[in-house]
Amino acid sequence: MALVDPNFEQHRQTWAGFTRLIKYALAIIILILIGLAIFTL
């Protein structure tokens, strides 16, 4: 990639933080679902 956007690094860091937030959210949702499955069985 010869052309480098000046804001590319900032966007990449924002995207990394966003994906990390999604991973945490998914982990919490999965834990809640597992907890509900255990308590309802």
N, C-alpha and C. Protein backbone atom coordinates (compact mmCIF):
# COMPACT_ATOMS: atom_id res chain seq x y z
N MET A 1 0.85 -1.19 0.00
CA MET A 1 0.00 0.00 0.00
C MET A 1 0.89 1.25 0.00
N ALA A 2 1.05 1.84 -1.18
CA ALA A 2 1.95 2.99 -1.31
C ALA A 2 1.35 4.24 -0.68
N LEU A 3 0.06 4.44 -0.91
CA LEU A 3 -0.61 5.63 -0.37
C LEU A 3 -1.05 5.35 1.07
N VAL A 4 -0.56 6.14 2.01
CA VAL A 4 -0.90 5.93 3.42
C VAL A 4 -1.75 7.09 3.91
N ASP A 5 -2.91 6.78 4.43
CA ASP A 5 -3.80 7.82 4.96
C ASP A 5 -3.23 8.34 6.28
N PRO A 6 -3.14 9.65 6.47
CA PRO A 6 -2.62 10.19 7.74
C PRO A 6 -3.42 9.72 8.95
N ASN A 7 -4.70 9.47 8.75
CA ASN A 7 -5.56 9.04 9.86
C ASN A 7 -5.65 7.52 9.96
N PHE A 8 -4.87 6.82 9.11
CA PHE A 8 -4.99 5.36 9.07
C PHE A 8 -4.68 4.72 10.42
N GLU A 9 -3.60 5.19 11.06
CA GLU A 9 -3.21 4.61 12.36
C GLU A 9 -4.28 4.85 13.41
N GLN A 10 -4.86 6.06 13.40
CA GLN A 10 -5.91 6.36 14.38
C GLN A 10 -7.14 5.48 14.13
N HIS A 11 -7.50 5.32 12.85
CA HIS A 11 -8.66 4.48 12.53
C HIS A 11 -8.40 3.03 12.94
N ARG A 12 -7.13 2.59 12.72
CA ARG A 12 -6.80 1.20 13.06
C ARG A 12 -6.92 0.98 14.57
N GLN A 13 -6.46 1.95 15.36
CA GLN A 13 -6.55 1.83 16.82
C GLN A 13 -8.01 1.86 17.26
N THR A 14 -8.81 2.73 16.62
CA THR A 14 -10.24 2.80 16.97
C THR A 14 -10.91 1.47 16.65
N TRP A 15 -10.56 0.90 15.48
CA TRP A 15 -11.16 -0.37 15.07
C TRP A 15 -10.72 -1.49 16.02
N ALA A 16 -9.46 -1.48 16.45
CA ALA A 16 -8.96 -2.49 17.38
C ALA A 16 -9.73 -2.41 18.70
N GLY A 17 -9.94 -1.19 19.19
CA GLY A 17 -10.71 -1.02 20.43
C GLY A 17 -12.14 -1.48 20.26
N PHE A 18 -12.71 -1.20 19.07
CA PHE A 18 -14.09 -1.58 18.80
C PHE A 18 -14.24 -3.10 18.77
N THR A 19 -13.32 -3.80 18.10
CA THR A 19 -13.40 -5.25 18.02
C THR A 19 -13.17 -5.87 19.41
N ARG A 20 -12.29 -5.23 20.20
CA ARG A 20 -12.06 -5.73 21.56
C ARG A 20 -13.34 -5.60 22.38
N LEU A 21 -14.04 -4.49 22.22
CA LEU A 21 -15.30 -4.28 22.93
C LEU A 21 -16.32 -5.33 22.52
N ILE A 22 -16.37 -5.65 21.23
CA ILE A 22 -17.31 -6.67 20.74
C ILE A 22 -16.96 -8.03 21.34
N LYS A 23 -15.67 -8.35 21.42
CA LYS A 23 -15.26 -9.64 22.00
C LYS A 23 -15.70 -9.73 23.45
N TYR A 24 -15.50 -8.64 24.23
CA TYR A 24 -15.92 -8.65 25.63
C TYR A 24 -17.43 -8.81 25.74
N ALA A 25 -18.18 -8.10 24.88
CA ALA A 25 -19.64 -8.17 24.91
C ALA A 25 -20.10 -9.59 24.60
N LEU A 26 -19.50 -10.22 23.59
CA LEU A 26 -19.87 -11.59 23.23
C LEU A 26 -19.55 -12.55 24.37
N ALA A 27 -18.40 -12.37 25.01
CA ALA A 27 -18.02 -13.24 26.12
C ALA A 27 -19.02 -13.12 27.26
N ILE A 28 -19.45 -11.89 27.57
CA ILE A 28 -20.42 -11.67 28.65
C ILE A 28 -21.76 -12.32 28.30
N ILE A 29 -22.20 -12.14 27.04
CA ILE A 29 -23.48 -12.73 26.62
C ILE A 29 -23.42 -14.25 26.71
N ILE A 30 -22.31 -14.84 26.27
CA ILE A 30 -22.17 -16.30 26.32
C ILE A 30 -22.19 -16.78 27.77
N LEU A 31 -21.50 -16.07 28.66
CA LEU A 31 -21.50 -16.46 30.07
C LEU A 31 -22.91 -16.38 30.65
N ILE A 32 -23.66 -15.34 30.28
CA ILE A 32 -25.04 -15.21 30.77
C ILE A 32 -25.89 -16.37 30.26
N LEU A 33 -25.73 -16.72 28.97
CA LEU A 33 -26.51 -17.82 28.41
C LEU A 33 -26.17 -19.14 29.09
N ILE A 34 -24.88 -19.37 29.35
CA ILE A 34 -24.47 -20.59 30.04
C ILE A 34 -25.05 -20.62 31.45
N GLY A 35 -25.00 -19.48 32.12
CA GLY A 35 -25.56 -19.40 33.48
C GLY A 35 -27.05 -19.69 33.47
N LEU A 36 -27.77 -19.13 32.52
CA LEU A 36 -29.21 -19.39 32.43
C LEU A 36 -29.47 -20.86 32.14
N ALA A 37 -28.68 -21.46 31.26
CA ALA A 37 -28.86 -22.86 30.93
C ALA A 37 -28.63 -23.74 32.15
N ILE A 38 -27.63 -23.41 32.96
CA ILE A 38 -27.33 -24.20 34.16
C ILE A 38 -28.45 -24.06 35.18
N PHE A 39 -28.94 -22.82 35.38
CA PHE A 39 -29.95 -22.60 36.41
C PHE A 39 -31.31 -23.13 36.01
N THR A 40 -31.59 -23.23 34.70
CA THR A 40 -32.92 -23.68 34.28
C THR A 40 -32.98 -25.18 34.14
N LEU A 41 -31.83 -25.85 34.10
CA LEU A 41 -31.85 -27.31 33.97
C LEU A 41 -31.95 -27.98 35.33
